[in-house]
Amino acid sequence: GAAQCLQLIGDTRMMQDQYPEAEDSLTQSKEMFEKVGDQLRAAQCLQSLGEIRSMQSQYPQAEDSLTQAKELFERTGSQLGAAQCLQSLGNIRSMQSQYPEAEDFLTQAKEMLETIGDQIGTAECLWSLGEIRRMQDQYSEAEHLLLKSKEIRERIGDTNGLAWCLDSLGTIRYHQDKNAEAVDYLTQAKEIFERIGNQNGIADCLQVLEQIRTGS
């Protein structure tokens, strides 16, 4: 009971961006779960610790926690947990511009998530893989991946994810000097972001729309 309470407190604090307090609670609960041999819950705590460290750009520590979590998830037969760790490891590598390693992790994660039928996770991996290609100016490959992600998100009603796909597709069109199509995608994305109140998304769309308007 106490270990589960601490885990819940840690996860709640993480969502409130109270990282030191979250880390403290999750480390305590992880140690308690390890003592009683509950590998699955210990893995969940390690996964959360990895996410917290990633959000604070502590990438080596994040990778360490996530790799340990992945191994425990594999040992306990939790494919979803292992796939989510691979996805996070891929995103960490992507943030550090280590694209081949990022693609490797994300492709493994995508295949596992497809197998277990996790559509949101699959769509997220496709978007991340598309973004990696976009950042390397491989626009046709990027577009192919982003359109697949967009299709899944439309089907399952993931409006935030759909808007990010439209935003990325608009940015690609802008870089290809197809401004009319870029404006169309970006305007659609901005309208969705406004509807759901995603300020980061709105700012992202406005930035590219302004570049198109001023020809910069």
Foldseek 3Di string as FASTA:
>chain_A
DQLVVLQVVLVVCVVVVVLVSSLVSLVVSLVVCVVVVVLLSNLVSLQSNLVSCVVVVVNVSSLVSLVSSLVSCVVVVNLLSNLVSLQVNLVNCVVVVVNVSSLVSLVVSLVSCVVVVPLLSNLVSLQSNLVNCVVVVVLVSSLVSLVVSLVSCVVVVVLLSNLVSLLSNLVSCVVVVVNVSSLVSLVVSLVSCVVVVPPVSVVSSVVSVVCSVVVD
